[in-house]
Amino acid sequence: MTGVVGPAMAAALPPHVQLLLLTDGKRISRVLHAVAELRVADELADGPLDVPELASRTGTRADALGRVLRVAAAFGVFFEQPDGRYALTDMGQALRSDVPGSQRDMVLYNGSGMLWRSYGELMHTLRTGEPAFRAAYGHDFFEHLERDPDDGAMFDRAMTRMSHATSRMLIDSFDFGRFERIADIGGGHGFFLSEILGEHPKSRGVLVDRPSVVAEAPELLAGAGVADRVEIVEGNFFEPLPTGWDAYVLKAVLHDWDDERALAILGRVREALAGHPEGRLLICEFLVGPPNRWDRGKLLDLDMLVRFGGRERDPAQWRELLDAAGFALVNDPVPGRWAVLECRPVSSGEHT
């Protein structure tokens, strides 16, 4: 598979060709979205198939499908054999819907109209500072998820898949077992909390999220064998939160919001920790890395910008935000990856 376009091959191209290759991202994304929607990887799970057979199975025209598959193969998603049949590569395996670590839901989301139309209005954001999503759709992102159940379900599946991918990384890098009582604020269906409690059988948890979201939590928590250790609370992080818990987890929450509204959320956690100086706030986010280096957080930051005016933050930005909210960062998370920021409430008059 020496023809796969990767960083090494791209670097060997003339600079102007490298530049043009970067502009092909939209084409590549739509190709991946199409083959994911057609479940081509699932069809290839039992072995290579030719284009006419794949077209028959996916309800597509063979000529058009073959040209799309050729692009996917050029980027290493599939492999075109000398006999014209297509086979799965290691990368393509991740497009299957029935394997651990499947990325199909994330590919569908990344290539969806919700992002496609939003990025089409990026100039609106640059001119006004307002989220591009609102310019594209005429209403806010989370309102759209309520209005369009299909998009809402797709988003929930993608975020659950992201949580699957990041949870083990976070749990392996941080000792959540130090805390007997853990509150997961904005925790969705409860996957991350269930993973923490499954790892630490002496801990208990409370899950707080919108009613329409936590409605699906009991089944997930029961399946994980932790339902008897979780209290479910309908609410949101802009309202008063349950008090008296040892650790308050905000996983992939604050990056949805600008600093003003992030401070409002942090203020609610600060209220819930009142009188509990040993309590902790645990922020689980992608920590943006240094300038001039690739890390996915820099692209995720643009997603936050165009969708709802939020942001990914680097270490300095986190410290500034936490200081304003009355918290101090007590660990030293590594930038350029998902990380747990352990924060303690600062007492009145204390300087961080």
Protein backbone atom coordinates (compact mmCIF):
# COMPACT_ATOMS: atom_id res chain seq x y z
CA MET A 1 0.00 0.00 0.00
CA THR A 2 2.84 2.33 -0.85
CA GLY A 3 0.49 4.63 -2.77
CA VAL A 4 -1.31 5.82 0.34
CA VAL A 5 -1.06 9.59 0.77
CA GLY A 6 0.38 10.12 4.22
CA PRO A 7 2.48 12.79 5.96
CA ALA A 8 5.77 11.45 4.57
CA MET A 9 4.54 11.33 0.98
CA ALA A 10 2.80 14.71 1.30
CA ALA A 11 6.03 16.27 2.59
CA ALA A 12 7.84 15.03 -0.52
CA LEU A 13 5.47 16.92 -2.82
CA PRO A 14 6.29 20.43 -4.07
CA PRO A 15 5.00 23.12 -1.68
CA HIS A 16 2.30 24.35 -4.06
CA VAL A 17 1.00 20.78 -4.45
CA GLN A 18 0.98 20.33 -0.69
CA LEU A 19 -1.09 23.49 -0.44
CA LEU A 20 -3.63 22.25 -2.99
CA LEU A 21 -3.79 18.88 -1.24
CA LEU A 22 -4.93 20.66 1.91
CA THR A 23 -7.87 22.14 0.00
CA ASP A 24 -9.05 18.63 -0.92
CA GLY A 25 -10.21 17.96 2.61
CA LYS A 26 -13.84 18.70 1.79
CA ARG A 27 -13.78 16.20 -1.08
CA ILE A 28 -12.16 13.50 1.01
CA SER A 29 -14.59 14.06 3.88
CA ARG A 30 -17.60 13.65 1.60
CA VAL A 31 -16.16 10.48 0.06
CA LEU A 32 -15.70 8.98 3.53
CA HIS A 33 -19.18 10.10 4.56
CA ALA A 34 -20.67 8.39 1.47
CA VAL A 35 -18.92 5.05 1.95
CA ALA A 36 -19.78 5.12 5.65
CA GLU A 37 -23.45 5.80 4.93
CA LEU A 38 -23.46 2.96 2.36
CA ARG A 39 -21.77 0.61 4.88
CA VAL A 40 -19.18 -0.42 2.29
CA ALA A 41 -16.78 -1.53 5.03
CA ASP A 42 -19.43 -3.84 6.47
CA GLU A 43 -19.94 -5.39 3.03
CA LEU A 44 -16.20 -6.03 2.75
CA ALA A 45 -15.89 -7.59 6.20
CA ASP A 46 -15.92 -11.16 4.83
CA GLY A 47 -13.47 -10.50 2.01
CA PRO A 48 -12.80 -8.53 -1.19
CA LEU A 49 -15.63 -7.74 -3.62
CA ASP A 50 -15.75 -6.22 -7.07
CA VAL A 51 -17.48 -2.93 -7.84
CA PRO A 52 -20.59 -4.39 -9.53
CA GLU A 53 -21.26 -6.60 -6.51
CA LEU A 54 -20.74 -3.71 -4.10
CA ALA A 55 -23.00 -1.52 -6.22
CA SER A 56 -25.71 -4.20 -6.14
CA ARG A 57 -25.45 -4.55 -2.37
CA THR A 58 -25.48 -0.79 -1.72
CA GLY A 59 -28.08 0.22 -4.28
CA THR A 60 -25.71 2.46 -6.24
CA ARG A 61 -24.46 2.80 -9.83
CA ALA A 62 -21.29 0.81 -10.42
CA ASP A 63 -19.44 3.49 -12.41
CA ALA A 64 -20.06 6.22 -9.82
CA LEU A 65 -19.29 3.94 -6.88
CA GLY A 66 -16.06 2.75 -8.48
CA ARG A 67 -14.81 6.29 -8.86
CA VAL A 68 -15.61 7.08 -5.23
CA LEU A 69 -13.91 3.90 -4.03
CA ARG A 70 -10.82 4.77 -6.08
CA VAL A 71 -10.46 8.01 -4.11
CA ALA A 72 -10.95 6.20 -0.80
CA ALA A 73 -8.28 3.70 -1.83
CA ALA A 74 -5.87 6.50 -2.72
CA PHE A 75 -6.03 7.56 0.92
CA GLY A 76 -5.65 4.07 2.33
CA VAL A 77 -9.24 3.41 3.43
CA PHE A 78 -9.63 0.51 0.98
CA PHE A 79 -7.17 -1.36 -1.23
CA GLU A 80 -7.83 -1.95 -4.93
CA GLN A 81 -6.43 -5.34 -5.90
CA PRO A 82 -4.98 -6.13 -9.34
CA ASP A 83 -8.18 -8.02 -10.21
CA GLY A 84 -10.27 -4.87 -9.53
CA ARG A 85 -11.79 -6.12 -6.30
CA TYR A 86 -11.68 -3.91 -3.21
CA ALA A 87 -10.49 -5.06 0.19
CA LEU A 88 -10.45 -3.53 3.65
CA THR A 89 -7.27 -1.99 5.04
CA ASP A 90 -6.53 -1.54 8.74
CA MET A 91 -7.89 1.99 8.41
CA GLY A 92 -10.98 0.75 6.64
CA GLN A 93 -11.69 -1.71 9.44
CA ALA A 94 -12.47 1.29 11.64
CA LEU A 95 -15.35 2.17 9.27
CA ARG A 96 -17.14 -1.08 10.10
CA SER A 97 -20.15 -0.60 12.36
CA ASP A 98 -19.69 -3.85 14.29
CA VAL A 99 -16.12 -3.64 15.64
CA PRO A 100 -14.68 -2.24 18.87
CA GLY A 101 -13.36 1.25 18.25
CA SER A 102 -15.58 1.81 15.19
CA GLN A 103 -15.35 5.36 13.88
CA ARG A 104 -18.35 5.14 11.55
CA ASP A 105 -20.57 7.39 13.67
CA MET A 106 -17.84 10.03 13.92
CA VAL A 107 -17.24 9.90 10.16
CA LEU A 108 -20.97 10.34 9.52
CA TYR A 109 -21.07 13.31 11.88
CA ASN A 110 -17.89 14.94 10.53
CA GLY A 111 -19.25 14.72 6.99
CA SER A 112 -22.81 15.70 7.87
CA GLY A 113 -24.71 18.75 6.70
CA MET A 114 -24.54 20.16 10.23
CA LEU A 115 -20.80 20.69 9.87
CA TRP A 116 -20.78 21.09 6.07
CA ARG A 117 -23.20 24.01 6.09
CA SER A 118 -21.59 25.56 9.17
CA TYR A 119 -18.13 25.70 7.63
CA GLY A 120 -19.70 27.20 4.53
CA GLU A 121 -20.53 30.22 6.71
CA LEU A 122 -17.08 30.51 8.30
CA MET A 123 -16.61 33.97 6.81
CA HIS A 124 -19.71 35.12 8.71
CA THR A 125 -17.99 34.10 11.96
CA LEU A 126 -14.79 35.88 10.95
CA ARG A 127 -16.71 39.08 10.15
CA THR A 128 -19.08 39.08 13.12
CA GLY A 129 -17.73 36.70 15.76
CA GLU A 130 -21.11 34.94 15.77
CA PRO A 131 -21.42 31.15 15.35
CA ALA A 132 -21.59 30.13 11.69
CA PHE A 133 -24.18 27.49 12.53
CA ARG A 134 -26.73 30.15 13.41
CA ALA A 135 -26.12 31.90 10.09
CA ALA A 136 -26.55 28.62 8.19
CA TYR A 137 -29.66 27.35 9.97
CA GLY A 138 -31.29 30.40 11.54
CA HIS A 139 -31.21 28.93 15.05
CA ASP A 140 -28.68 27.66 17.60
CA PHE A 141 -26.98 24.26 17.49
CA PHE A 142 -28.65 22.67 20.51
CA GLU A 143 -32.02 24.00 19.42
CA HIS A 144 -31.40 22.27 16.09
CA LEU A 145 -30.76 18.95 17.84
CA GLU A 146 -34.20 19.26 19.45
CA ARG A 147 -35.88 20.28 16.19
CA ASP A 148 -34.31 17.55 14.05
CA PRO A 149 -34.47 14.16 15.82
CA ASP A 150 -32.35 12.46 13.14
CA ASP A 151 -29.52 14.98 13.50
CA GLY A 152 -29.92 14.85 17.27
CA ALA A 153 -29.62 11.06 17.30
CA MET A 154 -26.60 11.18 14.97
CA PHE A 155 -24.89 13.73 17.23
CA ASP A 156 -25.59 11.65 20.34
CA ARG A 157 -24.18 8.52 18.67
CA ALA A 158 -21.06 10.39 17.58
CA MET A 159 -20.49 11.88 21.02
CA THR A 160 -21.00 8.49 22.64
CA ARG A 161 -18.45 7.03 20.22
CA MET A 162 -16.02 9.82 21.08
CA SER A 163 -16.57 9.08 24.74
CA HIS A 164 -15.77 5.42 24.10
CA ALA A 165 -12.52 6.43 22.40
CA THR A 166 -11.40 8.88 25.07
CA SER A 167 -12.68 7.32 28.29
CA ARG A 168 -10.05 4.62 28.58
CA MET A 169 -7.30 7.14 27.87
CA LEU A 170 -8.56 9.44 30.63
CA ILE A 171 -9.19 6.68 33.16
CA ASP A 172 -5.73 5.21 32.58
CA SER A 173 -4.10 8.61 33.06
CA PHE A 174 -5.87 9.69 36.26
CA ASP A 175 -6.84 8.04 39.56
CA PHE A 176 -10.60 8.60 39.77
CA GLY A 177 -10.69 5.98 42.54
CA ARG A 178 -9.48 8.61 45.02
CA PHE A 179 -13.08 9.86 45.15
CA GLU A 180 -15.91 7.88 46.70
CA ARG A 181 -18.67 10.19 45.44
CA ILE A 182 -18.42 11.43 41.85
CA ALA A 183 -20.83 13.81 40.11
CA ASP A 184 -20.79 13.70 36.30
CA ILE A 185 -22.26 17.01 35.15
CA GLY A 186 -23.57 17.05 31.60
CA GLY A 187 -22.65 13.38 31.42
CA GLY A 188 -25.05 12.37 28.66
CA HIS A 189 -26.24 8.77 28.83
CA GLY A 190 -23.71 8.01 31.57
CA PHE A 191 -21.09 6.07 29.65
CA PHE A 192 -18.06 7.81 31.14
CA LEU A 193 -19.46 7.59 34.67
CA SER A 194 -20.24 3.90 34.16
CA GLU A 195 -16.65 3.29 33.04
CA ILE A 196 -15.27 5.07 36.10
CA LEU A 197 -17.54 3.17 38.49
CA GLY A 198 -16.82 -0.12 36.73
CA GLU A 199 -13.13 0.48 37.37
CA HIS A 200 -13.69 1.57 40.98
CA PRO A 201 -16.38 -0.54 42.69
CA LYS A 202 -16.23 1.43 45.95
CA SER A 203 -17.27 4.68 44.27
CA ARG A 204 -20.78 6.00 43.73
CA GLY A 205 -22.03 8.59 41.26
CA VAL A 206 -24.70 11.08 40.29
CA LEU A 207 -25.48 11.80 36.64
CA VAL A 208 -26.85 15.25 35.75
CA ASP A 209 -28.13 16.16 32.28
CA ARG A 210 -31.21 17.29 30.36
CA PRO A 211 -34.33 15.13 30.77
CA SER A 212 -34.34 14.00 27.12
CA VAL A 213 -30.74 12.83 27.49
CA VAL A 214 -30.78 11.02 30.83
CA ALA A 215 -33.96 9.22 29.79
CA GLU A 216 -31.70 6.71 28.07
CA ALA A 217 -29.26 6.40 30.97
CA PRO A 218 -30.95 3.65 33.04
CA GLU A 219 -30.53 1.04 30.30
CA LEU A 220 -26.86 1.89 29.77
CA LEU A 221 -26.09 1.96 33.49
CA ALA A 222 -27.90 -1.33 34.05
CA GLY A 223 -25.99 -2.92 31.19
CA ALA A 224 -22.74 -1.79 32.78
CA GLY A 225 -23.78 -3.26 36.13
CA VAL A 226 -23.57 0.05 38.01
CA ALA A 227 -27.20 1.25 38.10
CA ASP A 228 -27.45 0.58 41.85
CA ARG A 229 -24.59 3.03 42.45
CA VAL A 230 -25.86 5.93 40.34
CA GLU A 231 -28.42 8.60 41.11
CA ILE A 232 -29.92 10.26 38.03
CA VAL A 233 -30.83 13.95 38.27
CA GLU A 234 -32.62 15.89 35.54
CA GLY A 235 -31.12 19.34 35.19
CA ASN A 236 -28.44 21.39 33.50
CA PHE A 237 -25.16 22.99 34.45
CA PHE A 238 -26.52 26.55 34.43
CA GLU A 239 -28.79 25.69 37.39
CA PRO A 240 -27.90 24.73 40.98
CA LEU A 241 -26.14 21.36 41.11
CA PRO A 242 -26.30 18.54 43.66
CA THR A 243 -24.09 19.40 46.63
CA GLY A 244 -21.77 17.38 48.82
CA TRP A 245 -19.97 15.27 46.21
CA ASP A 246 -16.22 14.68 46.36
CA ALA A 247 -15.48 15.29 42.68
CA TYR A 248 -17.41 17.09 39.95
CA VAL A 249 -16.60 15.92 36.43
CA LEU A 250 -17.09 18.15 33.39
CA LYS A 251 -16.17 16.02 30.39
CA ALA A 252 -16.29 17.76 26.99
CA VAL A 253 -18.64 20.39 28.42
CA LEU A 254 -16.79 23.68 28.78
CA HIS A 255 -15.42 23.68 25.24
CA ASP A 256 -19.00 24.18 24.02
CA TRP A 257 -19.11 27.64 25.58
CA ASP A 258 -17.39 31.01 25.44
CA ASP A 259 -15.58 32.24 28.54
CA GLU A 260 -18.58 34.12 29.92
CA ARG A 261 -20.87 31.10 29.92
CA ALA A 262 -18.06 28.73 30.91
CA LEU A 263 -17.60 30.92 33.99
CA ALA A 264 -21.30 30.57 34.74
CA ILE A 265 -20.99 26.76 34.66
CA LEU A 266 -17.86 26.84 36.80
CA GLY A 267 -19.70 29.11 39.22
CA ARG A 268 -22.38 26.46 39.70
CA VAL A 269 -19.71 23.87 40.48
CA ARG A 270 -18.04 26.32 42.87
CA GLU A 271 -21.38 26.74 44.68
CA ALA A 272 -21.81 22.97 44.93
CA LEU A 273 -18.33 22.66 46.46
CA ALA A 274 -18.95 25.36 49.08
CA GLY A 275 -17.81 24.14 52.47
CA HIS A 276 -15.91 21.24 50.92
CA PRO A 277 -12.31 22.49 50.45
CA GLU A 278 -11.03 18.98 49.72
CA GLY A 279 -13.53 18.55 46.90
CA ARG A 280 -12.28 18.66 43.34
CA LEU A 281 -13.38 19.80 39.92
CA LEU A 282 -12.15 17.42 37.20
CA ILE A 283 -12.23 18.95 33.72
CA CYS A 284 -11.78 16.40 30.93
CA GLU A 285 -10.98 18.21 27.69
CA PHE A 286 -8.56 18.24 24.78
CA LEU A 287 -5.68 20.48 25.84
CA VAL A 288 -4.45 22.50 22.85
CA GLY A 289 -0.73 22.10 22.25
CA PRO A 290 2.08 24.54 21.34
CA PRO A 291 2.07 26.66 18.14
CA ASN A 292 3.25 25.30 14.79
CA ARG A 293 2.58 21.68 15.73
CA TRP A 294 -0.24 19.45 14.62
CA ASP A 295 -2.79 18.42 17.20
CA ARG A 296 -6.44 17.64 16.65
CA GLY A 297 -7.45 20.19 19.26
CA LYS A 298 -6.77 23.01 16.81
CA LEU A 299 -9.38 21.63 14.41
CA LEU A 300 -11.79 20.84 17.24
CA ASP A 301 -11.43 24.46 18.29
CA LEU A 302 -12.80 25.55 14.91
CA ASP A 303 -15.75 23.17 15.35
CA MET A 304 -16.52 24.88 18.64
CA LEU A 305 -16.21 28.30 17.02
CA VAL A 306 -18.54 27.67 14.09
CA ARG A 307 -21.11 25.58 15.97
CA PHE A 308 -21.77 27.66 19.05
CA GLY A 309 -18.99 30.10 19.77
CA GLY A 310 -17.12 27.83 22.16
CA ARG A 311 -13.42 27.03 22.17
CA GLU A 312 -10.73 24.52 22.96
CA ARG A 313 -8.17 26.01 25.33
CA ASP A 314 -4.43 25.82 25.87
CA PRO A 315 -2.86 25.64 29.36
CA ALA A 316 -2.57 29.43 29.76
CA GLN A 317 -6.20 29.96 28.76
CA TRP A 318 -7.35 27.31 31.22
CA ARG A 319 -5.41 28.86 34.08
CA GLU A 320 -6.83 32.29 33.33
CA LEU A 321 -10.40 30.94 33.19
CA LEU A 322 -9.99 28.86 36.35
CA ASP A 323 -8.48 31.76 38.26
CA ALA A 324 -11.48 33.94 37.36
CA ALA A 325 -13.82 31.19 38.54
CA GLY A 326 -12.10 30.67 41.91
CA PHE A 327 -10.24 27.45 41.10
CA ALA A 328 -6.57 26.53 41.01
CA LEU A 329 -5.08 23.88 38.72
CA VAL A 330 -3.21 21.37 40.89
CA ASN A 331 -1.80 18.95 38.32
CA ASP A 332 0.30 19.39 35.19
CA PRO A 333 -1.59 17.87 32.24
CA VAL A 334 0.24 17.27 28.97
CA PRO A 335 -0.87 19.56 26.07
CA GLY A 336 -1.77 18.21 22.66
CA ARG A 337 -4.03 15.44 23.91
CA TRP A 338 -7.07 14.66 26.02
CA ALA A 339 -6.30 15.36 29.65
CA VAL A 340 -7.81 15.59 33.12
CA LEU A 341 -7.36 19.01 34.73
CA GLU A 342 -7.64 18.57 38.49
CA CYS A 343 -8.79 21.81 40.13
CA ARG A 344 -9.34 22.77 43.74
CA PRO A 345 -11.59 25.56 44.99
CA VAL A 346 -9.61 28.58 46.15
CA SER A 347 -10.53 29.94 49.56
CA SER A 348 -11.59 33.55 50.00
CA GLY A 349 -8.59 35.88 49.86
CA GLU A 350 -6.22 33.20 48.57
CA HIS A 351 -4.09 34.11 45.54
CA THR A 352 -3.54 31.49 42.81
